[in-house]
Amino acid sequence: VQLQASGGGLVQAGGSLRLSCAALGSIASINNMGWYRRAPRYQGELVARITSDGATYYDEFVKGRFTISRDNAKTTMYLQMNSLKPEDTDVYYCYYIASGFSTWGQGTLVTVSS
């Protein structure tokens, strides 16, 4: 299942963006999917993760500001980003892990101006 990320852009500090990750196929059975920031080969950071039953995990630096969700019917995962800070500026990648293999979408750039 391929992933297509979108929704990045330029926003002022304190603003909001919603990232989308559209899957070209069903995601209902995918138990581990989420968002990283910065290319994973450069030791990217896990931002948020969501399981197939909706359990979520957030990194400390986004907890309370970002919300991850998924719509299995629309085969899309979202990352609602509120109260954005300049240090949130980065390239964000969506991913999923299934059967021991990871699949990544292309990055979407988020730029937060001060």
C-alpha atoms as a PDB file:
ATOM      1  CA  VAL A   1       0.000   0.000   0.000  1.00  0.00           C
ATOM      2  CA  GLN A   2       1.566   3.284  -1.107  1.00  0.00           C
ATOM      3  CA  LEU A   3       1.295   6.456   0.967  1.00  0.00           C
ATOM      4  CA  GLN A   4       0.910  10.051  -0.211  1.00  0.00           C
ATOM      5  CA  ALA A   5       1.484  12.836   2.289  1.00  0.00           C
ATOM      6  CA  SER A   6       0.160  16.351   1.891  1.00  0.00           C
ATOM      7  CA  GLY A   7      -0.829  19.418   3.864  1.00  0.00           C
ATOM      8  CA  GLY A   8       2.486  21.012   4.655  1.00  0.00           C
ATOM      9  CA  GLY A   9       3.072  24.712   4.181  1.00  0.00           C
ATOM     10  CA  LEU A  10       4.100  27.978   5.750  1.00  0.00           C
ATOM     11  CA  VAL A  11       2.357  29.135   8.904  1.00  0.00           C
ATOM     12  CA  GLN A  12       3.040  31.666  11.615  1.00  0.00           C
ATOM     13  CA  ALA A  13       3.913  30.574  15.119  1.00  0.00           C
ATOM     14  CA  GLY A  14       0.756  29.725  17.019  1.00  0.00           C
ATOM     15  CA  GLY A  15      -1.027  28.667  13.869  1.00  0.00           C
ATOM     16  CA  SER A  16      -2.319  25.293  12.751  1.00  0.00           C
ATOM     17  CA  LEU A  17      -1.886  22.854   9.901  1.00  0.00           C
ATOM     18  CA  ARG A  18      -3.405  19.478   9.154  1.00  0.00           C
ATOM     19  CA  LEU A  19      -1.257  16.894   7.434  1.00  0.00           C
ATOM     20  CA  SER A  20      -2.910  14.076   5.521  1.00  0.00           C
ATOM     21  CA  CYS A  21      -1.492  10.721   4.522  1.00  0.00           C
ATOM     22  CA  ALA A  22      -3.614   9.015   1.899  1.00  0.00           C
ATOM     23  CA  ALA A  23      -3.087   5.316   1.370  1.00  0.00           C
ATOM     24  CA  LEU A  24      -3.653   3.692  -2.013  1.00  0.00           C
ATOM     25  CA  GLY A  25      -5.360   0.733  -0.407  1.00  0.00           C
ATOM     26  CA  SER A  26      -6.955  -0.415   2.800  1.00  0.00           C
ATOM     27  CA  ILE A  27      -5.352   0.574   6.087  1.00  0.00           C
ATOM     28  CA  ALA A  28      -7.887  -1.081   8.363  1.00  0.00           C
ATOM     29  CA  SER A  29      -5.572  -3.920   9.351  1.00  0.00           C
ATOM     30  CA  ILE A  30      -2.438  -1.797   9.760  1.00  0.00           C
ATOM     31  CA  ASN A  31      -1.618  -1.699  13.438  1.00  0.00           C
ATOM     32  CA  ASN A  32       1.342   0.653  13.414  1.00  0.00           C
ATOM     33  CA  MET A  33       1.242   3.842  11.402  1.00  0.00           C
ATOM     34  CA  GLY A  34       2.252   7.354  12.161  1.00  0.00           C
ATOM     35  CA  TRP A  35       4.400  10.357  11.463  1.00  0.00           C
ATOM     36  CA  TYR A  36       8.120  10.998  11.697  1.00  0.00           C
ATOM     37  CA  ARG A  37       9.846  14.247  11.161  1.00  0.00           C
ATOM     38  CA  ARG A  38      13.056  14.502   9.198  1.00  0.00           C
ATOM     39  CA  ALA A  39      14.237  11.742   6.924  1.00  0.00           C
ATOM     40  CA  PRO A  40      14.332   8.501   8.917  1.00  0.00           C
ATOM     41  CA  ARG A  41      17.760   7.604   7.551  1.00  0.00           C
ATOM     42  CA  TYR A  42      19.050  10.644   9.413  1.00  0.00           C
ATOM     43  CA  GLN A  43      17.693   9.326  12.684  1.00  0.00           C
ATOM     44  CA  GLY A  44      14.360  11.034  12.378  1.00  0.00           C
ATOM     45  CA  GLU A  45      12.100  11.509  15.344  1.00  0.00           C
ATOM     46  CA  LEU A  46       8.804   9.731  15.846  1.00  0.00           C
ATOM     47  CA  VAL A  47       6.173  12.426  16.235  1.00  0.00           C
ATOM     48  CA  ALA A  48       3.034  10.344  16.736  1.00  0.00           C
ATOM     49  CA  ARG A  49       1.751   6.843  16.167  1.00  0.00           C
ATOM     50  CA  ILE A  50      -1.695   5.250  16.030  1.00  0.00           C
ATOM     51  CA  THR A  51      -2.761   1.628  16.192  1.00  0.00           C
ATOM     52  CA  SER A  52      -5.578  -0.101  14.363  1.00  0.00           C
ATOM     53  CA  ASP A  53      -7.836   0.251  17.403  1.00  0.00           C
ATOM     54  CA  GLY A  54      -7.066   3.944  17.791  1.00  0.00           C
ATOM     55  CA  ALA A  55      -4.507   3.898  20.589  1.00  0.00           C
ATOM     56  CA  THR A  56      -2.092   6.776  20.213  1.00  0.00           C
ATOM     57  CA  TYR A  57       1.417   7.732  21.200  1.00  0.00           C
ATOM     58  CA  TYR A  58       2.955  11.208  21.076  1.00  0.00           C
ATOM     59  CA  ASP A  59       6.449  12.449  21.528  1.00  0.00           C
ATOM     60  CA  GLU A  60       6.805  14.782  24.479  1.00  0.00           C
ATOM     61  CA  PHE A  61       7.507  17.836  22.342  1.00  0.00           C
ATOM     62  CA  VAL A  62       4.121  17.597  20.579  1.00  0.00           C
ATOM     63  CA  LYS A  63       1.918  16.165  23.308  1.00  0.00           C
ATOM     64  CA  GLY A  64      -1.084  18.409  23.870  1.00  0.00           C
ATOM     65  CA  ARG A  65      -0.540  20.257  20.581  1.00  0.00           C
ATOM     66  CA  PHE A  66      -0.748  17.569  17.895  1.00  0.00           C
ATOM     67  CA  THR A  67      -3.478  15.003  17.354  1.00  0.00           C
ATOM     68  CA  ILE A  68      -3.128  11.922  15.203  1.00  0.00           C
ATOM     69  CA  SER A  69      -6.191  10.217  13.774  1.00  0.00           C
ATOM     70  CA  ARG A  70      -7.175   7.822  11.040  1.00  0.00           C
ATOM     71  CA  ASP A  71     -10.223   7.288   8.881  1.00  0.00           C
ATOM     72  CA  ASN A  72     -10.146   3.719   7.667  1.00  0.00           C
ATOM     73  CA  ALA A  73     -13.097   4.283   5.333  1.00  0.00           C
ATOM     74  CA  LYS A  74     -11.179   7.069   3.599  1.00  0.00           C
ATOM     75  CA  THR A  75      -7.889   5.154   3.921  1.00  0.00           C
ATOM     76  CA  THR A  76      -6.327   8.316   5.295  1.00  0.00           C
ATOM     77  CA  MET A  77      -4.355   9.224   8.382  1.00  0.00           C
ATOM     78  CA  TYR A  78      -4.151  12.772   9.708  1.00  0.00           C
ATOM     79  CA  LEU A  79      -1.942  14.863  11.931  1.00  0.00           C
ATOM     80  CA  GLN A  80      -3.638  17.957  13.288  1.00  0.00           C
ATOM     81  CA  MET A  81      -0.911  20.355  14.365  1.00  0.00           C
ATOM     82  CA  ASN A  82      -1.945  23.220  16.641  1.00  0.00           C
ATOM     83  CA  SER A  83       0.024  25.874  18.501  1.00  0.00           C
ATOM     84  CA  LEU A  84       2.876  25.439  16.077  1.00  0.00           C
ATOM     85  CA  LYS A  85       6.318  26.623  17.081  1.00  0.00           C
ATOM     86  CA  PRO A  86       9.300  27.579  14.910  1.00  0.00           C
ATOM     87  CA  GLU A  87      11.089  24.477  16.171  1.00  0.00           C
ATOM     88  CA  ASP A  88       8.351  22.360  14.575  1.00  0.00           C
ATOM     89  CA  THR A  89       9.765  23.373  11.190  1.00  0.00           C
ATOM     90  CA  ASP A  90      10.784  20.171   9.445  1.00  0.00           C
ATOM     91  CA  VAL A  91       9.909  17.662   6.786  1.00  0.00           C
ATOM     92  CA  TYR A  92       7.217  15.269   8.016  1.00  0.00           C
ATOM     93  CA  TYR A  93       6.909  11.719   6.734  1.00  0.00           C
ATOM     94  CA  CYS A  94       4.061   9.272   7.212  1.00  0.00           C
ATOM     95  CA  TYR A  95       4.771   5.580   7.484  1.00  0.00           C
ATOM     96  CA  TYR A  96       3.297   2.240   8.352  1.00  0.00           C
ATOM     97  CA  ILE A  97       4.765  -1.068   9.433  1.00  0.00           C
ATOM     98  CA  ALA A  98       3.235  -4.362   8.399  1.00  0.00           C
ATOM     99  CA  SER A  99       4.651  -7.869   8.365  1.00  0.00           C
ATOM    100  CA  GLY A 100       7.964  -6.520   9.560  1.00  0.00           C
ATOM    101  CA  PHE A 101       8.374  -4.091   6.670  1.00  0.00           C
ATOM    102  CA  SER A 102       8.033  -0.319   6.680  1.00  0.00           C
ATOM    103  CA  THR A 103       6.531   1.809   3.940  1.00  0.00           C
ATOM    104  CA  TRP A 104       7.068   5.560   3.760  1.00  0.00           C
ATOM    105  CA  GLY A 105       5.297   8.378   2.048  1.00  0.00           C
ATOM    106  CA  GLN A 106       7.124  11.299   0.540  1.00  0.00           C
ATOM    107  CA  GLY A 107       7.859  14.125   2.939  1.00  0.00           C
ATOM    108  CA  THR A 108       5.765  17.225   3.334  1.00  0.00           C
ATOM    109  CA  LEU A 109       7.507  20.394   4.465  1.00  0.00           C
ATOM    110  CA  VAL A 110       6.157  22.344   7.420  1.00  0.00           C
ATOM    111  CA  THR A 111       7.639  25.795   7.965  1.00  0.00           C
ATOM    112  CA  VAL A 112       6.701  27.802  11.035  1.00  0.00           C
ATOM    113  CA  SER A 113       7.761  31.433  11.042  1.00  0.00           C
ATOM    114  CA  SER A 114       8.364  33.348  14.246  1.00  0.00           C
END
